[in-house]
């Protein structure tokens, strides 16, 4: 998996919906870098934290696809899986 780094300031934008576009663009880059189509990210939902302390978020794309992304403590992003795979394995709904 490839990781994309971003600053702590970008993470703060998650709490400001009107300014969230830069975060959405970063999530889109992680999704597409793994070979998945995602014309644009239309919605983001925080799912929680992993046992290692990484943040877990779901991202919905304009083409209807949904994906799960991990925000590591060093502020890098990792693609985890599609939401359908994540939901099957974890029992947690993305949206």
PDB file of N, CA and C in Angstrom:
ATOM      1  N   UNK A   1       0.833  -1.187   0.000  1.00  0.00           N
ATOM      2  CA  UNK A   1       0.000   0.000   0.000  1.00  0.00           C
ATOM      3  C   UNK A   1       0.874   1.246   0.000  1.00  0.00           C
ATOM      4  N   UNK A   2       0.473   2.216  -0.764  1.00  0.00           N
ATOM      5  CA  UNK A   2       1.183   3.486  -0.769  1.00  0.00           C
ATOM      6  C   UNK A   2       0.604   4.396   0.300  1.00  0.00           C
ATOM      7  N   UNK A   3       1.443   5.237   0.854  1.00  0.00           N
ATOM      8  CA  UNK A   3       0.981   6.194   1.853  1.00  0.00           C
ATOM      9  C   UNK A   3       1.233   7.597   1.348  1.00  0.00           C
ATOM     10  N   UNK A   4       0.305   8.502   1.581  1.00  0.00           N
ATOM     11  CA  UNK A   4       0.455   9.909   1.244  1.00  0.00           C
ATOM     12  C   UNK A   4       0.491  10.701   2.539  1.00  0.00           C
ATOM     13  N   UNK A   5       1.510  11.540   2.701  1.00  0.00           N
ATOM     14  CA  UNK A   5       1.627  12.331   3.923  1.00  0.00           C
ATOM     15  C   UNK A   5       0.859  13.636   3.791  1.00  0.00           C
ATOM     16  N   UNK A   6       0.378  14.122   4.902  1.00  0.00           N
ATOM     17  CA  UNK A   6      -0.278  15.415   4.942  1.00  0.00           C
ATOM     18  C   UNK A   6      -0.103  16.005   6.325  1.00  0.00           C
ATOM     19  N   UNK A   7      -0.265  17.297   6.439  1.00  0.00           N
ATOM     20  CA  UNK A   7       0.007  17.991   7.693  1.00  0.00           C
ATOM     21  C   UNK A   7      -1.130  17.854   8.696  1.00  0.00           C
ATOM     22  N   UNK A   8      -0.816  18.143   9.940  1.00  0.00           N
ATOM     23  CA  UNK A   8      -1.821  18.108  11.006  1.00  0.00           C
ATOM     24  C   UNK A   8      -2.936  19.118  10.730  1.00  0.00           C
ATOM     25  N   UNK A   9      -2.609  20.191  10.064  1.00  0.00           N
ATOM     26  CA  UNK A   9      -3.630  21.201   9.752  1.00  0.00           C
ATOM     27  C   UNK A   9      -4.721  20.622   8.864  1.00  0.00           C
ATOM     28  N   UNK A  10      -4.371  19.734   7.957  1.00  0.00           N
ATOM     29  CA  UNK A  10      -5.362  19.107   7.089  1.00  0.00           C
ATOM     30  C   UNK A  10      -6.327  18.267   7.923  1.00  0.00           C
ATOM     31  N   UNK A  11      -5.799  17.560   8.926  1.00  0.00           N
ATOM     32  CA  UNK A  11      -6.675  16.761   9.783  1.00  0.00           C
ATOM     33  C   UNK A  11      -7.716  17.626  10.480  1.00  0.00           C
ATOM     34  N   UNK A  12      -7.320  18.825  10.869  1.00  0.00           N
ATOM     35  CA  UNK A  12      -8.255  19.729  11.537  1.00  0.00           C
ATOM     36  C   UNK A  12      -9.404  20.116  10.610  1.00  0.00           C
ATOM     37  N   UNK A  13      -9.173  20.095   9.314  1.00  0.00           N
ATOM     38  CA  UNK A  13     -10.208  20.456   8.362  1.00  0.00           C
ATOM     39  C   UNK A  13     -11.355  19.454   8.342  1.00  0.00           C
ATOM     40  N   UNK A  14     -11.120  18.240   8.846  1.00  0.00           N
ATOM     41  CA  UNK A  14     -12.202  17.254   8.910  1.00  0.00           C
ATOM     42  C   UNK A  14     -13.377  17.769   9.726  1.00  0.00           C
ATOM     43  N   UNK A  15     -13.098  18.625  10.699  1.00  0.00           N
ATOM     44  CA  UNK A  15     -14.169  19.141  11.549  1.00  0.00           C
ATOM     45  C   UNK A  15     -14.820  20.398  10.966  1.00  0.00           C
ATOM     46  N   UNK A  16     -14.329  20.880   9.831  1.00  0.00           N
ATOM     47  CA  UNK A  16     -14.873  22.075   9.198  1.00  0.00           C
ATOM     48  C   UNK A  16     -15.393  21.715   7.806  1.00  0.00           C
ATOM     49  N   UNK A  17     -16.668  21.302   7.703  1.00  0.00           N
ATOM     50  CA  UNK A  17     -17.208  20.831   6.429  1.00  0.00           C
ATOM     51  C   UNK A  17     -17.002  21.779   5.256  1.00  0.00           C
ATOM     52  N   UNK A  18     -17.086  23.072   5.471  1.00  0.00           N
ATOM     53  CA  UNK A  18     -16.948  24.009   4.357  1.00  0.00           C
ATOM     54  C   UNK A  18     -15.523  24.061   3.821  1.00  0.00           C
ATOM     55  N   UNK A  19     -14.562  23.588   4.593  1.00  0.00           N
ATOM     56  CA  UNK A  19     -13.168  23.613   4.172  1.00  0.00           C
ATOM     57  C   UNK A  19     -12.600  22.215   3.938  1.00  0.00           C
ATOM     58  N   UNK A  20     -13.443  21.219   3.864  1.00  0.00           N
ATOM     59  CA  UNK A  20     -12.981  19.834   3.806  1.00  0.00           C
ATOM     60  C   UNK A  20     -12.481  19.389   2.441  1.00  0.00           C
ATOM     61  N   UNK A  21     -12.629  20.171   1.404  1.00  0.00           N
ATOM     62  CA  UNK A  21     -12.228  19.734   0.079  1.00  0.00           C
ATOM     63  C   UNK A  21     -10.781  19.262   0.010  1.00  0.00           C
ATOM     64  N   UNK A  22      -9.787  19.933   0.614  1.00  0.00           N
ATOM     65  CA  UNK A  22      -8.417  19.416   0.542  1.00  0.00           C
ATOM     66  C   UNK A  22      -8.291  17.994   1.098  1.00  0.00           C
ATOM     67  N   UNK A  23      -8.989  17.679   2.166  1.00  0.00           N
ATOM     68  CA  UNK A  23      -8.953  16.337   2.742  1.00  0.00           C
ATOM     69  C   UNK A  23      -9.600  15.356   1.776  1.00  0.00           C
ATOM     70  N   UNK A  24     -10.703  15.750   1.169  1.00  0.00           N
ATOM     71  CA  UNK A  24     -11.375  14.883   0.207  1.00  0.00           C
ATOM     72  C   UNK A  24     -10.471  14.573  -0.982  1.00  0.00           C
ATOM     73  N   UNK A  25      -9.705  15.550  -1.414  1.00  0.00           N
ATOM     74  CA  UNK A  25      -8.787  15.347  -2.531  1.00  0.00           C
ATOM     75  C   UNK A  25      -7.693  14.358  -2.130  1.00  0.00           C
ATOM     76  N   UNK A  26      -7.204  14.446  -0.900  1.00  0.00           N
ATOM     77  CA  UNK A  26      -6.192  13.498  -0.427  1.00  0.00           C
ATOM     78  C   UNK A  26      -6.757  12.087  -0.339  1.00  0.00           C
ATOM     79  N   UNK A  27      -7.987  11.965   0.149  1.00  0.00           N
ATOM     80  CA  UNK A  27      -8.623  10.650   0.210  1.00  0.00           C
ATOM     81  C   UNK A  27      -8.807  10.088  -1.198  1.00  0.00           C
ATOM     82  N   UNK A  28      -9.227  10.936  -2.128  1.00  0.00           N
ATOM     83  CA  UNK A  28      -9.388  10.502  -3.515  1.00  0.00           C
ATOM     84  C   UNK A  28      -8.053  10.012  -4.073  1.00  0.00           C
ATOM     85  N   UNK A  29      -6.968  10.691  -3.778  1.00  0.00           N
ATOM     86  CA  UNK A  29      -5.644  10.293  -4.265  1.00  0.00           C
ATOM     87  C   UNK A  29      -5.250   8.916  -3.731  1.00  0.00           C
ATOM     88  N   UNK A  30      -5.547   8.638  -2.468  1.00  0.00           N
ATOM     89  CA  UNK A  30      -5.228   7.333  -1.896  1.00  0.00           C
ATOM     90  C   UNK A  30      -6.042   6.245  -2.591  1.00  0.00           C
ATOM     91  N   UNK A  31      -7.322   6.505  -2.803  1.00  0.00           N
ATOM     92  CA  UNK A  31      -8.201   5.518  -3.447  1.00  0.00           C
ATOM     93  C   UNK A  31      -7.726   5.230  -4.865  1.00  0.00           C
ATOM     94  N   UNK A  32      -7.458   6.272  -5.633  1.00  0.00           N
ATOM     95  CA  UNK A  32      -7.061   6.066  -7.026  1.00  0.00           C
ATOM     96  C   UNK A  32      -5.645   5.500  -7.137  1.00  0.00           C
ATOM     97  N   UNK A  33      -4.784   5.789  -6.168  1.00  0.00           N
ATOM     98  CA  UNK A  33      -3.421   5.228  -6.209  1.00  0.00           C
ATOM     99  C   UNK A  33      -3.437   3.712  -6.027  1.00  0.00           C
ATOM    100  N   UNK A  34      -4.516   3.193  -5.469  1.00  0.00           N
ATOM    101  CA  UNK A  34      -4.671   1.747  -5.308  1.00  0.00           C
ATOM    102  C   UNK A  34      -5.391   1.116  -6.495  1.00  0.00           C
ATOM    103  N   UNK A  35      -5.672   1.927  -7.518  1.00  0.00           N
ATOM    104  CA  UNK A  35      -6.276   1.399  -8.737  1.00  0.00           C
ATOM    105  C   UNK A  35      -7.790   1.393  -8.768  1.00  0.00           C
ATOM    106  N   UNK A  36      -8.419   2.080  -7.841  1.00  0.00           N
ATOM    107  CA  UNK A  36      -9.880   2.149  -7.785  1.00  0.00           C
ATOM    108  C   UNK A  36     -10.358   3.467  -8.385  1.00  0.00           C
ATOM    109  N   UNK A  37     -11.485   3.413  -9.071  1.00  0.00           N
ATOM    110  CA  UNK A  37     -12.065   4.632  -9.633  1.00  0.00           C
ATOM    111  C   UNK A  37     -12.707   5.453  -8.520  1.00  0.00           C
ATOM    112  N   UNK A  38     -12.505   6.754  -8.571  1.00  0.00           N
ATOM    113  CA  UNK A  38     -13.149   7.683  -7.641  1.00  0.00           C
ATOM    114  C   UNK A  38     -13.029   9.075  -8.246  1.00  0.00           C
ATOM    115  N   UNK A  39     -14.016   9.459  -9.081  1.00  0.00           N
ATOM    116  CA  UNK A  39     -13.947  10.776  -9.725  1.00  0.00           C
ATOM    117  C   UNK A  39     -13.809  11.928  -8.725  1.00  0.00           C
ATOM    118  N   UNK A  40     -14.516  11.832  -7.613  1.00  0.00           N
ATOM    119  CA  UNK A  40     -14.381  12.804  -6.522  1.00  0.00           C
ATOM    120  C   UNK A  40     -14.996  12.199  -5.267  1.00  0.00           C
ATOM    121  N   UNK A  41     -14.512  12.630  -4.117  1.00  0.00           N
ATOM    122  CA  UNK A  41     -15.052  12.176  -2.834  1.00  0.00           C
ATOM    123  C   UNK A  41     -16.185  13.120  -2.459  1.00  0.00           C
ATOM    124  N   UNK A  42     -17.354  12.540  -2.211  1.00  0.00           N
ATOM    125  CA  UNK A  42     -18.534  13.351  -1.916  1.00  0.00           C
ATOM    126  C   UNK A  42     -18.914  13.357  -0.447  1.00  0.00           C
ATOM    127  N   UNK A  43     -18.424  12.381   0.305  1.00  0.00           N
ATOM    128  CA  UNK A  43     -18.785  12.283   1.712  1.00  0.00           C
ATOM    129  C   UNK A  43     -17.710  11.518   2.464  1.00  0.00           C
ATOM    130  N   UNK A  44     -17.467  11.938   3.695  1.00  0.00           N
ATOM    131  CA  UNK A  44     -16.496  11.269   4.563  1.00  0.00           C
ATOM    132  C   UNK A  44     -17.149  11.038   5.909  1.00  0.00           C
ATOM    133  N   UNK A  45     -16.943   9.847   6.463  1.00  0.00           N
ATOM    134  CA  UNK A  45     -17.492   9.535   7.781  1.00  0.00           C
ATOM    135  C   UNK A  45     -16.398   8.911   8.639  1.00  0.00           C
ATOM    136  N   UNK A  46     -16.206   9.435   9.827  1.00  0.00           N
ATOM    137  CA  UNK A  46     -15.248   8.859  10.764  1.00  0.00           C
ATOM    138  C   UNK A  46     -15.852   7.591  11.338  1.00  0.00           C
ATOM    139  N   UNK A  47     -15.112   6.477  11.234  1.00  0.00           N
ATOM    140  CA  UNK A  47     -15.597   5.196  11.739  1.00  0.00           C
ATOM    141  C   UNK A  47     -15.057   4.858  13.122  1.00  0.00           C
ATOM    142  N   UNK A  48     -13.932   5.445  13.480  1.00  0.00           N
ATOM    143  CA  UNK A  48     -13.345   5.176  14.795  1.00  0.00           C
ATOM    144  C   UNK A  48     -11.845   5.062  14.725  1.00  0.00           C
ATOM    145  N   UNK A  49     -11.292   4.319  15.681  1.00  0.00           N
ATOM    146  CA  UNK A  49      -9.841   4.115  15.755  1.00  0.00           C
ATOM    147  C   UNK A  49      -9.536   2.632  15.808  1.00  0.00           C
ATOM    148  N   UNK A  50      -8.389   2.272  15.247  1.00  0.00           N
ATOM    149  CA  UNK A  50      -7.919   0.890  15.333  1.00  0.00           C
ATOM    150  C   UNK A  50      -7.244   0.683  16.682  1.00  0.00           C
ATOM    151  N   UNK A  51      -6.903  -0.550  16.985  1.00  0.00           N
ATOM    152  CA  UNK A  51      -6.220  -0.835  18.246  1.00  0.00           C
ATOM    153  C   UNK A  51      -4.844  -0.186  18.300  1.00  0.00           C
ATOM    154  N   UNK A  52      -4.269   0.132  17.147  1.00  0.00           N
ATOM    155  CA  UNK A  52      -2.960   0.800  17.106  1.00  0.00           C
ATOM    156  C   UNK A  52      -3.086   2.312  17.251  1.00  0.00           C
ATOM    157  N   UNK A  53      -4.321   2.815  17.295  1.00  0.00           N
ATOM    158  CA  UNK A  53      -4.535   4.251  17.449  1.00  0.00           C
ATOM    159  C   UNK A  53      -4.731   4.996  16.143  1.00  0.00           C
ATOM    160  N   UNK A  54      -4.698   4.296  15.023  1.00  0.00           N
ATOM    161  CA  UNK A  54      -4.919   4.937  13.730  1.00  0.00           C
ATOM    162  C   UNK A  54      -6.397   5.275  13.573  1.00  0.00           C
ATOM    163  N   UNK A  55      -6.680   6.392  12.939  1.00  0.00           N
ATOM    164  CA  UNK A  55      -8.057   6.759  12.645  1.00  0.00           C
ATOM    165  C   UNK A  55      -8.551   5.989  11.434  1.00  0.00           C
ATOM    166  N   UNK A  56      -9.808   5.618  11.449  1.00  0.00           N
ATOM    167  CA  UNK A  56     -10.415   4.889  10.337  1.00  0.00           C
ATOM    168  C   UNK A  56     -11.582   5.718   9.822  1.00  0.00           C
ATOM    169  N   UNK A  57     -11.574   6.021   8.517  1.00  0.00           N
ATOM    170  CA  UNK A  57     -12.648   6.803   7.912  1.00  0.00           C
ATOM    171  C   UNK A  57     -13.175   6.088   6.671  1.00  0.00           C
ATOM    172  N   UNK A  58     -14.428   6.348   6.362  1.00  0.00           N
ATOM    173  CA  UNK A  58     -15.035   5.866   5.120  1.00  0.00           C
ATOM    174  C   UNK A  58     -15.169   7.056   4.188  1.00  0.00           C
ATOM    175  N   UNK A  59     -14.927   6.825   2.897  1.00  0.00           N
ATOM    176  CA  UNK A  59     -15.060   7.869   1.893  1.00  0.00           C
ATOM    177  C   UNK A  59     -15.985   7.366   0.792  1.00  0.00           C
ATOM    178  N   UNK A  60     -17.007   8.152   0.484  1.00  0.00           N
ATOM    179  CA  UNK A  60     -17.928   7.825  -0.603  1.00  0.00           C
ATOM    180  C   UNK A  60     -17.534   8.642  -1.828  1.00  0.00           C
ATOM    181  N   UNK A  61     -17.514   7.980  -2.978  1.00  0.00           N
ATOM    182  CA  UNK A  61     -17.122   8.630  -4.223  1.00  0.00           C
ATOM    183  C   UNK A  61     -18.344   8.966  -5.073  1.00  0.00           C
ATOM    184  N   UNK A  62     -18.171   9.908  -5.973  1.00  0.00           N
ATOM    185  CA  UNK A  62     -19.272  10.357  -6.830  1.00  0.00           C
ATOM    186  C   UNK A  62     -19.771   9.268  -7.769  1.00  0.00           C
ATOM    187  N   UNK A  63     -18.982   8.221  -7.997  1.00  0.00           N
ATOM    188  CA  UNK A  63     -19.431   7.122  -8.856  1.00  0.00           C
ATOM    189  C   UNK A  63     -20.190   6.049  -8.077  1.00  0.00           C
ATOM    190  N   UNK A  64     -20.412   6.275  -6.782  1.00  0.00           N
ATOM    191  CA  UNK A  64     -21.147   5.330  -5.946  1.00  0.00           C
ATOM    192  C   UNK A  64     -20.281   4.362  -5.175  1.00  0.00           C
ATOM    193  N   UNK A  65     -18.992   4.322  -5.473  1.00  0.00           N
ATOM    194  CA  UNK A  65     -18.110   3.424  -4.721  1.00  0.00           C
ATOM    195  C   UNK A  65     -17.831   4.001  -3.340  1.00  0.00           C
ATOM    196  N   UNK A  66     -17.523   3.122  -2.406  1.00  0.00           N
ATOM    197  CA  UNK A  66     -17.246   3.533  -1.027  1.00  0.00           C
ATOM    198  C   UNK A  66     -16.011   2.782  -0.550  1.00  0.00           C
ATOM    199  N   UNK A  67     -15.142   3.468   0.171  1.00  0.00           N
ATOM    200  CA  UNK A  67     -13.856   2.913   0.549  1.00  0.00           C
ATOM    201  C   UNK A  67     -13.509   3.273   1.996  1.00  0.00           C
ATOM    202  N   UNK A  68     -12.607   2.479   2.582  1.00  0.00           N
ATOM    203  CA  UNK A  68     -12.152   2.716   3.947  1.00  0.00           C
ATOM    204  C   UNK A  68     -10.673   3.072   3.903  1.00  0.00           C
ATOM    205  N   UNK A  69     -10.331   4.141   4.622  1.00  0.00           N
ATOM    206  CA  UNK A  69      -8.975   4.675   4.649  1.00  0.00           C
ATOM    207  C   UNK A  69      -8.516   4.793   6.093  1.00  0.00           C
ATOM    208  N   UNK A  70      -7.252   4.503   6.305  1.00  0.00           N
ATOM    209  CA  UNK A  70      -6.640   4.578   7.626  1.00  0.00           C
ATOM    210  C   UNK A  70      -5.775   5.835   7.699  1.00  0.00           C
ATOM    211  N   UNK A  71      -5.915   6.606   8.778  1.00  0.00           N
ATOM    212  CA  UNK A  71      -5.075   7.777   9.031  1.00  0.00           C
ATOM    213  C   UNK A  71      -4.106   7.388  10.141  1.00  0.00           C
ATOM    214  N   UNK A  72      -2.861   7.167   9.766  1.00  0.00           N
ATOM    215  CA  UNK A  72      -1.855   6.725  10.727  1.00  0.00           C
ATOM    216  C   UNK A  72      -1.411   7.870  11.627  1.00  0.00           C
ATOM    217  N   UNK A  73      -0.775   7.528  12.724  1.00  0.00           N
ATOM    218  CA  UNK A  73      -0.351   8.546  13.687  1.00  0.00           C
ATOM    219  C   UNK A  73       0.699   9.489  13.112  1.00  0.00           C
ATOM    220  N   UNK A  74       1.436   9.047  12.092  1.00  0.00           N
ATOM    221  CA  UNK A  74       2.425   9.937  11.462  1.00  0.00           C
ATOM    222  C   UNK A  74       1.786  10.820  10.385  1.00  0.00           C
ATOM    223  N   UNK A  75       0.454  10.813  10.336  1.00  0.00           N
ATOM    224  CA  UNK A  75      -0.340  11.633   9.421  1.00  0.00           C
ATOM    225  C   UNK A  75      -0.318  11.115   7.976  1.00  0.00           C
ATOM    226  N   UNK A  76       0.057   9.862   7.769  1.00  0.00           N
ATOM    227  CA  UNK A  76      -0.001   9.283   6.435  1.00  0.00           C
ATOM    228  C   UNK A  76      -1.326   8.545   6.262  1.00  0.00           C
ATOM    229  N   UNK A  77      -1.705   8.327   5.027  1.00  0.00           N
ATOM    230  CA  UNK A  77      -2.959   7.664   4.696  1.00  0.00           C
ATOM    231  C   UNK A  77      -2.679   6.320   4.046  1.00  0.00           C
ATOM    232  N   UNK A  78      -3.464   5.320   4.404  1.00  0.00           N
ATOM    233  CA  UNK A  78      -3.384   4.005   3.774  1.00  0.00           C
ATOM    234  C   UNK A  78      -4.777   3.570   3.359  1.00  0.00           C
ATOM    235  N   UNK A  79      -4.859   3.004   2.166  1.00  0.00           N
ATOM    236  CA  UNK A  79      -6.110   2.420   1.707  1.00  0.00           C
ATOM    237  C   UNK A  79      -6.284   1.087   2.417  1.00  0.00           C
ATOM    238  N   UNK A  80      -7.471   0.840   2.991  1.00  0.00           N
ATOM    239  CA  UNK A  80      -7.731  -0.438   3.660  1.00  0.00           C
ATOM    240  C   UNK A  80      -8.491  -1.374   2.737  1.00  0.00           C
ATOM    241  N   UNK A  81      -9.693  -0.966   2.301  1.00  0.00           N
ATOM    242  CA  UNK A  81     -10.515  -1.845   1.465  1.00  0.00           C
ATOM    243  C   UNK A  81     -11.741  -1.088   0.992  1.00  0.00           C
ATOM    244  N   UNK A  82     -12.534  -1.780   0.197  1.00  0.00           N
ATOM    245  CA  UNK A  82     -13.854  -1.233  -0.136  1.00  0.00           C
ATOM    246  C   UNK A  82     -14.705  -1.309   1.131  1.00  0.00           C
ATOM    247  N   UNK A  83     -15.762  -0.523   1.175  1.00  0.00           N
ATOM    248  CA  UNK A  83     -16.659  -0.580   2.329  1.00  0.00           C
ATOM    249  C   UNK A  83     -17.333  -1.946   2.436  1.00  0.00           C
ATOM    250  N   UNK A  84     -17.697  -2.536   1.309  1.00  0.00           N
ATOM    251  CA  UNK A  84     -18.387  -3.830   1.376  1.00  0.00           C
ATOM    252  C   UNK A  84     -17.502  -4.892   2.016  1.00  0.00           C
ATOM    253  N   UNK A  85     -16.212  -4.907   1.679  1.00  0.00           N
ATOM    254  CA  UNK A  85     -15.289  -5.856   2.304  1.00  0.00           C
ATOM    255  C   UNK A  85     -15.125  -5.540   3.785  1.00  0.00           C
ATOM    256  N   UNK A  86     -14.953  -4.264   4.109  1.00  0.00           N
ATOM    257  CA  UNK A  86     -14.779  -3.833   5.497  1.00  0.00           C
ATOM    258  C   UNK A  86     -16.006  -4.214   6.332  1.00  0.00           C
ATOM    259  N   UNK A  87     -17.198  -3.976   5.785  1.00  0.00           N
ATOM    260  CA  UNK A  87     -18.428  -4.279   6.504  1.00  0.00           C
ATOM    261  C   UNK A  87     -18.583  -5.782   6.752  1.00  0.00           C
ATOM    262  N   UNK A  88     -18.200  -6.581   5.761  1.00  0.00           N
ATOM    263  CA  UNK A  88     -18.277  -8.040   5.904  1.00  0.00           C
ATOM    264  C   UNK A  88     -17.333  -8.541   6.987  1.00  0.00           C
ATOM    265  N   UNK A  89     -16.117  -8.017   7.001  1.00  0.00           N
ATOM    266  CA  UNK A  89     -15.100  -8.481   7.954  1.00  0.00           C
ATOM    267  C   UNK A  89     -15.343  -7.937   9.355  1.00  0.00           C
ATOM    268  N   UNK A  90     -15.662  -6.638   9.463  1.00  0.00           N
ATOM    269  CA  UNK A  90     -15.755  -6.002  10.775  1.00  0.00           C
ATOM    270  C   UNK A  90     -17.172  -5.987  11.365  1.00  0.00           C
ATOM    271  N   UNK A  91     -18.177  -6.076  10.513  1.00  0.00           N
ATOM    272  CA  UNK A  91     -19.547  -5.952  10.995  1.00  0.00           C
ATOM    273  C   UNK A  91     -19.959  -4.510  11.246  1.00  0.00           C
ATOM    274  N   UNK A  92     -19.100  -3.568  10.879  1.00  0.00           N
ATOM    275  CA  UNK A  92     -19.359  -2.141  11.053  1.00  0.00           C
ATOM    276  C   UNK A  92     -19.783  -1.535   9.725  1.00  0.00           C
ATOM    277  N   UNK A  93     -20.902  -0.817   9.715  1.00  0.00           N
ATOM    278  CA  UNK A  93     -21.374  -0.162   8.492  1.00  0.00           C
ATOM    279  C   UNK A  93     -20.573   1.096   8.228  1.00  0.00           C
ATOM    280  N   UNK A  94     -20.235   1.334   6.972  1.00  0.00           N
ATOM    281  CA  UNK A  94     -19.503   2.542   6.604  1.00  0.00           C
ATOM    282  C   UNK A  94     -20.389   3.780   6.659  1.00  0.00           C
ATOM    283  N   UNK A  95     -21.568   3.672   6.081  1.00  0.00           N
ATOM    284  CA  UNK A  95     -22.490   4.811   6.027  1.00  0.00           C
ATOM    285  C   UNK A  95     -23.877   4.367   6.439  1.00  0.00           C
TER     286      UNK A  95
END
